[in-house]
Amino acid sequence: MSYAYKEGTVECWVRIERNPTWLKDRVGRRFFDGQIGDAKIKILKTPDMKLYVEHYHPISYIRTLSHDISLLDPERDHHIIITWTPAELILYIDGESAGRIEEKAMTSVA
């Protein structure tokens, strides 16, 4: 199986409403859950008001990020962007970097 999407971007708009369903009941919500080529991306709100991102690379790893979204402006749309390369996974919220994971470089010793 070839992995053709070693780099990519997923973006969406979300609204973090302040209502009982989202806050008091601690319900999670799925914003994006899809396959892009052989890759899988999940973007969701956890019950504890974290934006959770999972990037699955079919060859070797799963990378995850989370970010506290409880302080985002309620009743306003927020632009969420996830971008990835083999070396990193980056989360942007409203144009600002909100999280990053960098892969450690693999080196060989002669």
PDB file of N, CA and C in Angstrom:
ATOM      1  N   MET A   1       0.843  -1.166   0.000  1.00  0.00           N
ATOM      2  CA  MET A   1       0.000   0.000   0.000  1.00  0.00           C
ATOM      3  C   MET A   1       0.895   1.239   0.000  1.00  0.00           C
ATOM      4  N   SER A   2       0.688   2.110  -0.939  1.00  0.00           N
ATOM      5  CA  SER A   2       1.519   3.314  -0.989  1.00  0.00           C
ATOM      6  C   SER A   2       0.862   4.431  -0.191  1.00  0.00           C
ATOM      7  N   TYR A   3       1.673   5.219   0.447  1.00  0.00           N
ATOM      8  CA  TYR A   3       1.197   6.344   1.245  1.00  0.00           C
ATOM      9  C   TYR A   3       1.487   7.612   0.465  1.00  0.00           C
ATOM     10  N   ALA A   4       0.478   8.082  -0.276  1.00  0.00           N
ATOM     11  CA  ALA A   4       0.671   9.189  -1.202  1.00  0.00           C
ATOM     12  C   ALA A   4       0.521  10.557  -0.543  1.00  0.00           C
ATOM     13  N   TYR A   5      -0.037  10.611   0.667  1.00  0.00           N
ATOM     14  CA  TYR A   5      -0.305  11.897   1.307  1.00  0.00           C
ATOM     15  C   TYR A   5       0.601  12.104   2.512  1.00  0.00           C
ATOM     16  N   LYS A   6       1.909  12.223   2.246  1.00  0.00           N
ATOM     17  CA  LYS A   6       2.878  12.429   3.312  1.00  0.00           C
ATOM     18  C   LYS A   6       2.811  13.847   3.858  1.00  0.00           C
ATOM     19  N   GLU A   7       2.244  14.753   3.090  1.00  0.00           N
ATOM     20  CA  GLU A   7       2.045  16.134   3.521  1.00  0.00           C
ATOM     21  C   GLU A   7       0.601  16.501   3.225  1.00  0.00           C
ATOM     22  N   GLY A   8       0.037  17.344   4.051  1.00  0.00           N
ATOM     23  CA  GLY A   8      -1.328  17.751   3.771  1.00  0.00           C
ATOM     24  C   GLY A   8      -1.859  18.747   4.775  1.00  0.00           C
ATOM     25  N   THR A   9      -3.078  19.179   4.515  1.00  0.00           N
ATOM     26  CA  THR A   9      -3.760  20.152   5.364  1.00  0.00           C
ATOM     27  C   THR A   9      -5.243  19.824   5.395  1.00  0.00           C
ATOM     28  N   VAL A  10      -5.831  19.922   6.571  1.00  0.00           N
ATOM     29  CA  VAL A  10      -7.277  19.823   6.746  1.00  0.00           C
ATOM     30  C   VAL A  10      -7.688  21.077   7.501  1.00  0.00           C
ATOM     31  N   GLU A  11      -8.760  21.702   7.049  1.00  0.00           N
ATOM     32  CA  GLU A  11      -9.249  22.867   7.771  1.00  0.00           C
ATOM     33  C   GLU A  11     -10.760  22.798   7.905  1.00  0.00           C
ATOM     34  N   CYS A  12     -11.250  23.418   8.967  1.00  0.00           N
ATOM     35  CA  CYS A  12     -12.689  23.481   9.188  1.00  0.00           C
ATOM     36  C   CYS A  12     -12.997  24.686  10.067  1.00  0.00           C
ATOM     37  N   TRP A  13     -14.250  25.036  10.121  1.00  0.00           N
ATOM     38  CA  TRP A  13     -14.732  26.101  10.990  1.00  0.00           C
ATOM     39  C   TRP A  13     -15.578  25.461  12.069  1.00  0.00           C
ATOM     40  N   VAL A  14     -15.379  25.884  13.320  1.00  0.00           N
ATOM     41  CA  VAL A  14     -16.162  25.349  14.423  1.00  0.00           C
ATOM     42  C   VAL A  14     -16.668  26.498  15.292  1.00  0.00           C
ATOM     43  N   ARG A  15     -17.745  26.223  15.990  1.00  0.00           N
ATOM     44  CA  ARG A  15     -18.288  27.175  16.957  1.00  0.00           C
ATOM     45  C   ARG A  15     -18.379  26.451  18.293  1.00  0.00           C
ATOM     46  N   ILE A  16     -17.737  27.022  19.299  1.00  0.00           N
ATOM     47  CA  ILE A  16     -17.734  26.453  20.640  1.00  0.00           C
ATOM     48  C   ILE A  16     -18.832  27.157  21.432  1.00  0.00           C
ATOM     49  N   GLU A  17     -20.012  26.602  21.390  1.00  0.00           N
ATOM     50  CA  GLU A  17     -21.150  27.232  22.050  1.00  0.00           C
ATOM     51  C   GLU A  17     -21.120  26.971  23.551  1.00  0.00           C
ATOM     52  N   ARG A  18     -21.551  27.951  24.300  1.00  0.00           N
ATOM     53  CA  ARG A  18     -21.642  27.817  25.755  1.00  0.00           C
ATOM     54  C   ARG A  18     -23.081  27.436  26.097  1.00  0.00           C
ATOM     55  N   ASN A  19     -23.352  26.161  26.054  1.00  0.00           N
ATOM     56  CA  ASN A  19     -24.696  25.696  26.394  1.00  0.00           C
ATOM     57  C   ASN A  19     -24.588  24.416  27.200  1.00  0.00           C
ATOM     58  N   PRO A  20     -25.663  24.017  27.848  1.00  0.00           N
ATOM     59  CA  PRO A  20     -25.596  22.837  28.721  1.00  0.00           C
ATOM     60  C   PRO A  20     -25.138  21.562  28.030  1.00  0.00           C
ATOM     61  N   THR A  21     -25.489  21.392  26.782  1.00  0.00           N
ATOM     62  CA  THR A  21     -25.081  20.179  26.081  1.00  0.00           C
ATOM     63  C   THR A  21     -23.567  20.091  25.980  1.00  0.00           C
ATOM     64  N   TRP A  22     -22.906  21.222  25.773  1.00  0.00           N
ATOM     65  CA  TRP A  22     -21.454  21.215  25.593  1.00  0.00           C
ATOM     66  C   TRP A  22     -20.698  21.312  26.895  1.00  0.00           C
ATOM     67  N   LEU A  23     -21.215  22.019  27.880  1.00  0.00           N
ATOM     68  CA  LEU A  23     -20.444  22.255  29.095  1.00  0.00           C
ATOM     69  C   LEU A  23     -20.877  21.375  30.266  1.00  0.00           C
ATOM     70  N   LYS A  24     -22.125  21.447  30.675  1.00  0.00           N
ATOM     71  CA  LYS A  24     -22.571  20.716  31.859  1.00  0.00           C
ATOM     72  C   LYS A  24     -22.601  19.214  31.634  1.00  0.00           C
ATOM     73  N   ASP A  25     -23.028  18.787  30.469  1.00  0.00           N
ATOM     74  CA  ASP A  25     -23.117  17.359  30.194  1.00  0.00           C
ATOM     75  C   ASP A  25     -21.781  16.752  29.763  1.00  0.00           C
ATOM     76  N   ARG A  26     -20.813  17.616  29.521  1.00  0.00           N
ATOM     77  CA  ARG A  26     -19.472  17.154  29.132  1.00  0.00           C
ATOM     78  C   ARG A  26     -19.512  16.204  27.942  1.00  0.00           C
ATOM     79  N   VAL A  27     -20.191  16.617  26.921  1.00  0.00           N
ATOM     80  CA  VAL A  27     -20.341  15.804  25.719  1.00  0.00           C
ATOM     81  C   VAL A  27     -19.205  16.106  24.755  1.00  0.00           C
ATOM     82  N   GLY A  28     -18.659  15.080  24.117  1.00  0.00           N
ATOM     83  CA  GLY A  28     -17.667  15.268  23.077  1.00  0.00           C
ATOM     84  C   GLY A  28     -18.349  15.472  21.730  1.00  0.00           C
ATOM     85  N   ARG A  29     -17.666  16.105  20.812  1.00  0.00           N
ATOM     86  CA  ARG A  29     -18.184  16.326  19.463  1.00  0.00           C
ATOM     87  C   ARG A  29     -17.090  16.018  18.451  1.00  0.00           C
ATOM     88  N   ARG A  30     -17.479  15.427  17.357  1.00  0.00           N
ATOM     89  CA  ARG A  30     -16.552  15.122  16.271  1.00  0.00           C
ATOM     90  C   ARG A  30     -16.697  16.198  15.206  1.00  0.00           C
ATOM     91  N   PHE A  31     -15.614  16.934  14.938  1.00  0.00           N
ATOM     92  CA  PHE A  31     -15.624  17.964  13.904  1.00  0.00           C
ATOM     93  C   PHE A  31     -15.203  17.399  12.553  1.00  0.00           C
ATOM     94  N   PHE A  32     -14.227  16.510  12.566  1.00  0.00           N
ATOM     95  CA  PHE A  32     -13.739  15.909  11.323  1.00  0.00           C
ATOM     96  C   PHE A  32     -13.222  14.523  11.654  1.00  0.00           C
ATOM     97  N   ASP A  33     -13.574  13.562  10.839  1.00  0.00           N
ATOM     98  CA  ASP A  33     -13.084  12.197  11.001  1.00  0.00           C
ATOM     99  C   ASP A  33     -13.082  11.589   9.614  1.00  0.00           C
ATOM    100  N   GLY A  34     -11.934  11.628   8.966  1.00  0.00           N
ATOM    101  CA  GLY A  34     -11.920  11.173   7.593  1.00  0.00           C
ATOM    102  C   GLY A  34     -10.593  10.607   7.156  1.00  0.00           C
ATOM    103  N   GLN A  35     -10.662   9.993   6.016  1.00  0.00           N
ATOM    104  CA  GLN A  35      -9.487   9.394   5.409  1.00  0.00           C
ATOM    105  C   GLN A  35      -9.054  10.244   4.230  1.00  0.00           C
ATOM    106  N   ILE A  36      -7.749  10.490   4.158  1.00  0.00           N
ATOM    107  CA  ILE A  36      -7.161  11.244   3.058  1.00  0.00           C
ATOM    108  C   ILE A  36      -6.076  10.360   2.482  1.00  0.00           C
ATOM    109  N   GLY A  37      -6.357   9.737   1.355  1.00  0.00           N
ATOM    110  CA  GLY A  37      -5.448   8.721   0.846  1.00  0.00           C
ATOM    111  C   GLY A  37      -5.396   7.589   1.857  1.00  0.00           C
ATOM    112  N   ASP A  38      -4.211   7.226   2.280  1.00  0.00           N
ATOM    113  CA  ASP A  38      -4.049   6.193   3.291  1.00  0.00           C
ATOM    114  C   ASP A  38      -4.016   6.763   4.705  1.00  0.00           C
ATOM    115  N   ALA A  39      -4.019   8.071   4.841  1.00  0.00           N
ATOM    116  CA  ALA A  39      -3.948   8.720   6.156  1.00  0.00           C
ATOM    117  C   ALA A  39      -5.337   8.866   6.748  1.00  0.00           C
ATOM    118  N   LYS A  40      -5.380   8.944   8.068  1.00  0.00           N
ATOM    119  CA  LYS A  40      -6.633   9.194   8.774  1.00  0.00           C
ATOM    120  C   LYS A  40      -6.431  10.379   9.710  1.00  0.00           C
ATOM    121  N   ILE A  41      -7.390  11.285   9.704  1.00  0.00           N
ATOM    122  CA  ILE A  41      -7.342  12.477  10.542  1.00  0.00           C
ATOM    123  C   ILE A  41      -8.617  12.541  11.369  1.00  0.00           C
ATOM    124  N   LYS A  42      -8.475  12.840  12.661  1.00  0.00           N
ATOM    125  CA  LYS A  42      -9.623  13.083  13.528  1.00  0.00           C
ATOM    126  C   LYS A  42      -9.418  14.426  14.216  1.00  0.00           C
ATOM    127  N   ILE A  43     -10.480  15.227  14.242  1.00  0.00           N
ATOM    128  CA  ILE A  43     -10.482  16.479  14.984  1.00  0.00           C
ATOM    129  C   ILE A  43     -11.769  16.455  15.809  1.00  0.00           C
ATOM    130  N   LEU A  44     -11.630  16.486  17.132  1.00  0.00           N
ATOM    131  CA  LEU A  44     -12.830  16.440  17.952  1.00  0.00           C
ATOM    132  C   LEU A  44     -12.686  17.250  19.228  1.00  0.00           C
ATOM    133  N   LYS A  45     -13.833  17.560  19.831  1.00  0.00           N
ATOM    134  CA  LYS A  45     -13.875  18.212  21.128  1.00  0.00           C
ATOM    135  C   LYS A  45     -14.102  17.117  22.149  1.00  0.00           C
ATOM    136  N   THR A  46     -13.219  17.052  23.125  1.00  0.00           N
ATOM    137  CA  THR A  46     -13.366  16.054  24.172  1.00  0.00           C
ATOM    138  C   THR A  46     -14.350  16.562  25.232  1.00  0.00           C
ATOM    139  N   PRO A  47     -14.856  15.673  26.075  1.00  0.00           N
ATOM    140  CA  PRO A  47     -15.773  16.113  27.121  1.00  0.00           C
ATOM    141  C   PRO A  47     -15.182  17.158  28.073  1.00  0.00           C
ATOM    142  N   ASP A  48     -13.852  17.192  28.214  1.00  0.00           N
ATOM    143  CA  ASP A  48     -13.233  18.183  29.103  1.00  0.00           C
ATOM    144  C   ASP A  48     -12.791  19.451  28.361  1.00  0.00           C
ATOM    145  N   MET A  49     -13.451  19.747  27.227  1.00  0.00           N
ATOM    146  CA  MET A  49     -13.240  20.977  26.453  1.00  0.00           C
ATOM    147  C   MET A  49     -11.823  21.110  25.892  1.00  0.00           C
ATOM    148  N   LYS A  50     -11.298  20.025  25.391  1.00  0.00           N
ATOM    149  CA  LYS A  50     -10.027  20.055  24.672  1.00  0.00           C
ATOM    150  C   LYS A  50     -10.310  19.779  23.197  1.00  0.00           C
ATOM    151  N   LEU A  51      -9.592  20.471  22.343  1.00  0.00           N
ATOM    152  CA  LEU A  51      -9.613  20.131  20.932  1.00  0.00           C
ATOM    153  C   LEU A  51      -8.550  19.059  20.769  1.00  0.00           C
ATOM    154  N   TYR A  52      -8.951  17.889  20.313  1.00  0.00           N
ATOM    155  CA  TYR A  52      -8.050  16.749  20.193  1.00  0.00           C
ATOM    156  C   TYR A  52      -7.869  16.434  18.715  1.00  0.00           C
ATOM    157  N   VAL A  53      -6.618  16.290  18.313  1.00  0.00           N
ATOM    158  CA  VAL A  53      -6.278  15.994  16.922  1.00  0.00           C
ATOM    159  C   VAL A  53      -5.486  14.694  16.892  1.00  0.00           C
ATOM    160  N   GLU A  54      -5.876  13.806  15.986  1.00  0.00           N
ATOM    161  CA  GLU A  54      -5.144  12.556  15.808  1.00  0.00           C
ATOM    162  C   GLU A  54      -4.814  12.405  14.329  1.00  0.00           C
ATOM    163  N   HIS A  55      -3.548  12.166  14.036  1.00  0.00           N
ATOM    164  CA  HIS A  55      -3.088  11.922  12.667  1.00  0.00           C
ATOM    165  C   HIS A  55      -2.482  10.526  12.641  1.00  0.00           C
ATOM    166  N   TYR A  56      -3.063   9.660  11.840  1.00  0.00           N
ATOM    167  CA  TYR A  56      -2.589   8.284  11.738  1.00  0.00           C
ATOM    168  C   TYR A  56      -1.837   8.103  10.426  1.00  0.00           C
ATOM    169  N   HIS A  57      -0.598   7.728  10.534  1.00  0.00           N
ATOM    170  CA  HIS A  57       0.245   7.425   9.380  1.00  0.00           C
ATOM    171  C   HIS A  57       0.297   5.912   9.272  1.00  0.00           C
ATOM    172  N   PRO A  58      -0.192   5.327   8.196  1.00  0.00           N
ATOM    173  CA  PRO A  58      -0.351   3.868   8.130  1.00  0.00           C
ATOM    174  C   PRO A  58       0.937   3.068   8.176  1.00  0.00           C
ATOM    175  N   ILE A  59       2.049   3.714   7.928  1.00  0.00           N
ATOM    176  CA  ILE A  59       3.298   2.965   7.903  1.00  0.00           C
ATOM    177  C   ILE A  59       3.881   2.801   9.304  1.00  0.00           C
ATOM    178  N   SER A  60       3.819   3.856  10.129  1.00  0.00           N
ATOM    179  CA  SER A  60       4.582   3.728  11.356  1.00  0.00           C
ATOM    180  C   SER A  60       4.036   4.376  12.623  1.00  0.00           C
ATOM    181  N   TYR A  61       3.106   5.313  12.589  1.00  0.00           N
ATOM    182  CA  TYR A  61       2.822   5.998  13.841  1.00  0.00           C
ATOM    183  C   TYR A  61       1.446   6.669  13.894  1.00  0.00           C
ATOM    184  N   ILE A  62       1.067   7.020  15.113  1.00  0.00           N
ATOM    185  CA  ILE A  62      -0.072   7.886  15.372  1.00  0.00           C
ATOM    186  C   ILE A  62       0.474   9.094  16.123  1.00  0.00           C
ATOM    187  N   ARG A  63       0.123  10.290  15.668  1.00  0.00           N
ATOM    188  CA  ARG A  63       0.532  11.513  16.364  1.00  0.00           C
ATOM    189  C   ARG A  63      -0.726  12.209  16.882  1.00  0.00           C
ATOM    190  N   THR A  64      -0.644  12.751  18.080  1.00  0.00           N
ATOM    191  CA  THR A  64      -1.800  13.434  18.651  1.00  0.00           C
ATOM    192  C   THR A  64      -1.401  14.789  19.236  1.00  0.00           C
ATOM    193  N   LEU A  65      -2.349  15.705  19.220  1.00  0.00           N
ATOM    194  CA  LEU A  65      -2.213  17.020  19.846  1.00  0.00           C
ATOM    195  C   LEU A  65      -3.510  17.319  20.571  1.00  0.00           C
ATOM    196  N   SER A  66      -3.443  18.128  21.614  1.00  0.00           N
ATOM    197  CA  SER A  66      -4.669  18.624  22.228  1.00  0.00           C
ATOM    198  C   SER A  66      -4.455  20.071  22.642  1.00  0.00           C
ATOM    199  N   HIS A  67      -5.549  20.805  22.707  1.00  0.00           N
ATOM    200  CA  HIS A  67      -5.488  22.224  23.045  1.00  0.00           C
ATOM    201  C   HIS A  67      -6.757  22.594  23.809  1.00  0.00           C
ATOM    202  N   ASP A  68      -6.605  23.343  24.901  1.00  0.00           N
ATOM    203  CA  ASP A  68      -7.745  23.779  25.703  1.00  0.00           C
ATOM    204  C   ASP A  68      -8.556  24.805  24.913  1.00  0.00           C
ATOM    205  N   ILE A  69      -9.820  24.504  24.667  1.00  0.00           N
ATOM    206  CA  ILE A  69     -10.664  25.419  23.896  1.00  0.00           C
ATOM    207  C   ILE A  69     -11.726  26.094  24.762  1.00  0.00           C
ATOM    208  N   SER A  70     -11.656  25.892  26.075  1.00  0.00           N
ATOM    209  CA  SER A  70     -12.668  26.471  26.954  1.00  0.00           C
ATOM    210  C   SER A  70     -12.615  27.997  26.966  1.00  0.00           C
ATOM    211  N   LEU A  71     -11.490  28.582  26.603  1.00  0.00           N
ATOM    212  CA  LEU A  71     -11.367  30.039  26.629  1.00  0.00           C
ATOM    213  C   LEU A  71     -11.638  30.706  25.279  1.00  0.00           C
ATOM    214  N   LEU A  72     -11.948  29.907  24.260  1.00  0.00           N
ATOM    215  CA  LEU A  72     -12.265  30.509  22.963  1.00  0.00           C
ATOM    216  C   LEU A  72     -13.546  31.328  23.064  1.00  0.00           C
ATOM    217  N   ASP A  73     -13.606  32.382  22.280  1.00  0.00           N
ATOM    218  CA  ASP A  73     -14.763  33.272  22.275  1.00  0.00           C
ATOM    219  C   ASP A  73     -16.019  32.489  21.900  1.00  0.00           C
ATOM    220  N   PRO A  74     -17.011  32.449  22.801  1.00  0.00           N
ATOM    221  CA  PRO A  74     -18.229  31.703  22.493  1.00  0.00           C
ATOM    222  C   PRO A  74     -19.056  32.395  21.414  1.00  0.00           C
ATOM    223  N   GLU A  75     -19.843  31.604  20.746  1.00  0.00           N
ATOM    224  CA  GLU A  75     -20.769  32.108  19.723  1.00  0.00           C
ATOM    225  C   GLU A  75     -20.062  32.751  18.542  1.00  0.00           C
ATOM    226  N   ARG A  76     -18.792  32.458  18.364  1.00  0.00           N
ATOM    227  CA  ARG A  76     -18.023  32.956  17.219  1.00  0.00           C
ATOM    228  C   ARG A  76     -17.416  31.755  16.505  1.00  0.00           C
ATOM    229  N   ASP A  77     -17.389  31.814  15.195  1.00  0.00           N
ATOM    230  CA  ASP A  77     -16.750  30.741  14.432  1.00  0.00           C
ATOM    231  C   ASP A  77     -15.236  30.839  14.585  1.00  0.00           C
ATOM    232  N   HIS A  78     -14.597  29.675  14.692  1.00  0.00           N
ATOM    233  CA  HIS A  78     -13.137  29.613  14.814  1.00  0.00           C
ATOM    234  C   HIS A  78     -12.590  28.730  13.697  1.00  0.00           C
ATOM    235  N   HIS A  79     -11.501  29.194  13.089  1.00  0.00           N
ATOM    236  CA  HIS A  79     -10.869  28.496  11.970  1.00  0.00           C
ATOM    237  C   HIS A  79      -9.819  27.538  12.518  1.00  0.00           C
ATOM    238  N   ILE A  80     -10.010  26.258  12.275  1.00  0.00           N
ATOM    239  CA  ILE A  80      -9.101  25.207  12.731  1.00  0.00           C
ATOM    240  C   ILE A  80      -8.358  24.658  11.517  1.00  0.00           C
ATOM    241  N   ILE A  81      -7.041  24.609  11.612  1.00  0.00           N
ATOM    242  CA  ILE A  81      -6.212  24.062  10.536  1.00  0.00           C
ATOM    243  C   ILE A  81      -5.243  23.048  11.129  1.00  0.00           C
ATOM    244  N   ILE A  82      -5.159  21.901  10.503  1.00  0.00           N
ATOM    245  CA  ILE A  82      -4.177  20.876  10.837  1.00  0.00           C
ATOM    246  C   ILE A  82      -3.315  20.698   9.600  1.00  0.00           C
ATOM    247  N   THR A  83      -2.026  20.798   9.767  1.00  0.00           N
ATOM    248  CA  THR A  83      -1.120  20.568   8.641  1.00  0.00           C
ATOM    249  C   THR A  83      -0.044  19.575   9.088  1.00  0.00           C
ATOM    250  N   TRP A  84       0.379  18.726   8.170  1.00  0.00           N
ATOM    251  CA  TRP A  84       1.365  17.724   8.528  1.00  0.00           C
ATOM    252  C   TRP A  84       2.351  17.458   7.409  1.00  0.00           C
ATOM    253  N   THR A  85       3.525  17.037   7.830  1.00  0.00           N
ATOM    254  CA  THR A  85       4.585  16.522   6.960  1.00  0.00           C
ATOM    255  C   THR A  85       5.115  15.288   7.678  1.00  0.00           C
ATOM    256  N   PRO A  86       6.038  14.553   7.062  1.00  0.00           N
ATOM    257  CA  PRO A  86       6.623  13.438   7.806  1.00  0.00           C
ATOM    258  C   PRO A  86       7.339  13.896   9.085  1.00  0.00           C
ATOM    259  N   ALA A  87       7.774  15.156   9.131  1.00  0.00           N
ATOM    260  CA  ALA A  87       8.546  15.655  10.268  1.00  0.00           C
ATOM    261  C   ALA A  87       7.711  16.313  11.355  1.00  0.00           C
ATOM    262  N   GLU A  88       6.490  16.778  11.054  1.00  0.00           N
ATOM    263  CA  GLU A  88       5.742  17.501  12.077  1.00  0.00           C
ATOM    264  C   GLU A  88       4.242  17.496  11.828  1.00  0.00           C
ATOM    265  N   LEU A  89       3.521  17.768  12.896  1.00  0.00           N
ATOM    266  CA  LEU A  89       2.072  17.945  12.883  1.00  0.00           C
ATOM    267  C   LEU A  89       1.813  19.271  13.594  1.00  0.00           C
ATOM    268  N   ILE A  90       1.075  20.184  12.955  1.00  0.00           N
ATOM    269  CA  ILE A  90       0.849  21.512  13.519  1.00  0.00           C
ATOM    270  C   ILE A  90      -0.646  21.806  13.560  1.00  0.00           C
ATOM    271  N   LEU A  91      -1.090  22.378  14.673  1.00  0.00           N
ATOM    272  CA  LEU A  91      -2.470  22.822  14.860  1.00  0.00           C
ATOM    273  C   LEU A  91      -2.486  24.344  14.884  1.00  0.00           C
ATOM    274  N   TYR A  92      -3.357  24.942  14.086  1.00  0.00           N
ATOM    275  CA  TYR A  92      -3.572  26.389  14.107  1.00  0.00           C
ATOM    276  C   TYR A  92      -5.026  26.648  14.480  1.00  0.00           C
ATOM    277  N   ILE A  93      -5.243  27.654  15.312  1.00  0.00           N
ATOM    278  CA  ILE A  93      -6.584  28.111  15.635  1.00  0.00           C
ATOM    279  C   ILE A  93      -6.630  29.605  15.356  1.00  0.00           C
ATOM    280  N   ASP A  94      -7.518  29.997  14.464  1.00  0.00           N
ATOM    281  CA  ASP A  94      -7.664  31.406  14.070  1.00  0.00           C
ATOM    282  C   ASP A  94      -6.337  32.016  13.636  1.00  0.00           C
ATOM    283  N   GLY A  95      -5.561  31.255  12.883  1.00  0.00           N
ATOM    284  CA  GLY A  95      -4.315  31.753  12.316  1.00  0.00           C
ATOM    285  C   GLY A  95      -3.110  31.723  13.241  1.00  0.00           C
ATOM    286  N   GLU A  96      -3.292  31.324  14.480  1.00  0.00           N
ATOM    287  CA  GLU A  96      -2.195  31.265  15.448  1.00  0.00           C
ATOM    288  C   GLU A  96      -1.817  29.806  15.719  1.00  0.00           C
ATOM    289  N   SER A  97      -0.526  29.546  15.822  1.00  0.00           N
ATOM    290  CA  SER A  97      -0.075  28.200  16.150  1.00  0.00           C
ATOM    291  C   SER A  97      -0.569  27.840  17.553  1.00  0.00           C
ATOM    292  N   ALA A  98      -1.237  26.691  17.675  1.00  0.00           N
ATOM    293  CA  ALA A  98      -1.797  26.270  18.953  1.00  0.00           C
ATOM    294  C   ALA A  98      -1.201  24.953  19.433  1.00  0.00           C
ATOM    295  N   GLY A  99      -0.338  24.358  18.645  1.00  0.00           N
ATOM    296  CA  GLY A  99       0.298  23.109  19.036  1.00  0.00           C
ATOM    297  C   GLY A  99       1.134  22.557  17.906  1.00  0.00           C
ATOM    298  N   ARG A 100       2.193  21.850  18.283  1.00  0.00           N
ATOM    299  CA  ARG A 100       3.100  21.282  17.281  1.00  0.00           C
ATOM    300  C   ARG A 100       3.795  20.065  17.863  1.00  0.00           C
ATOM    301  N   ILE A 101       3.926  19.061  17.032  1.00  0.00           N
ATOM    302  CA  ILE A 101       4.737  17.882  17.357  1.00  0.00           C
ATOM    303  C   ILE A 101       5.765  17.730  16.258  1.00  0.00           C
ATOM    304  N   GLU A 102       7.029  17.642  16.648  1.00  0.00           N
ATOM    305  CA  GLU A 102       8.097  17.409  15.687  1.00  0.00           C
ATOM    306  C   GLU A 102       8.659  16.027  15.904  1.00  0.00           C
ATOM    307  N   GLU A 103       8.900  15.319  14.812  1.00  0.00           N
ATOM    308  CA  GLU A 103       9.500  13.999  14.883  1.00  0.00           C
ATOM    309  C   GLU A 103      11.000  14.147  15.087  1.00  0.00           C
ATOM    310  N   LYS A 104      11.566  13.302  15.913  1.00  0.00           N
ATOM    311  CA  LYS A 104      13.021  13.315  16.103  1.00  0.00           C
ATOM    312  C   LYS A 104      13.678  12.754  14.854  1.00  0.00           C
ATOM    313  N   ALA A 105      14.740  13.395  14.442  1.00  0.00           N
ATOM    314  CA  ALA A 105      15.453  12.946  13.239  1.00  0.00           C
ATOM    315  C   ALA A 105      16.101  11.580  13.507  1.00  0.00           C
ATOM    316  N   MET A 106      15.970  10.704  12.550  1.00  0.00           N
ATOM    317  CA  MET A 106      16.602   9.384  12.660  1.00  0.00           C
ATOM    318  C   MET A 106      17.981   9.488  12.026  1.00  0.00           C
ATOM    319  N   THR A 107      18.985   9.071  12.747  1.00  0.00           N
ATOM    320  CA  THR A 107      20.338   9.112  12.210  1.00  0.00           C
ATOM    321  C   THR A 107      20.956   7.730  12.329  1.00  0.00           C
ATOM    322  N   SER A 108      21.878   7.445  11.455  1.00  0.00           N
ATOM    323  CA  SER A 108      22.581   6.157  11.544  1.00  0.00           C
ATOM    324  C   SER A 108      24.025   6.402  11.928  1.00  0.00           C
ATOM    325  N   VAL A 109      24.589   5.484  12.654  1.00  0.00           N
ATOM    326  CA  VAL A 109      25.979   5.599  13.083  1.00  0.00           C
ATOM    327  C   VAL A 109      26.807   4.631  12.251  1.00  0.00           C
ATOM    328  N   ALA A 110      27.851   5.157  11.622  1.00  0.00           N
ATOM    329  CA  ALA A 110      28.689   4.297  10.760  1.00  0.00           C
ATOM    330  C   ALA A 110      29.713   3.546  11.560  1.00  0.00           C
TER     331      ALA A 110
END
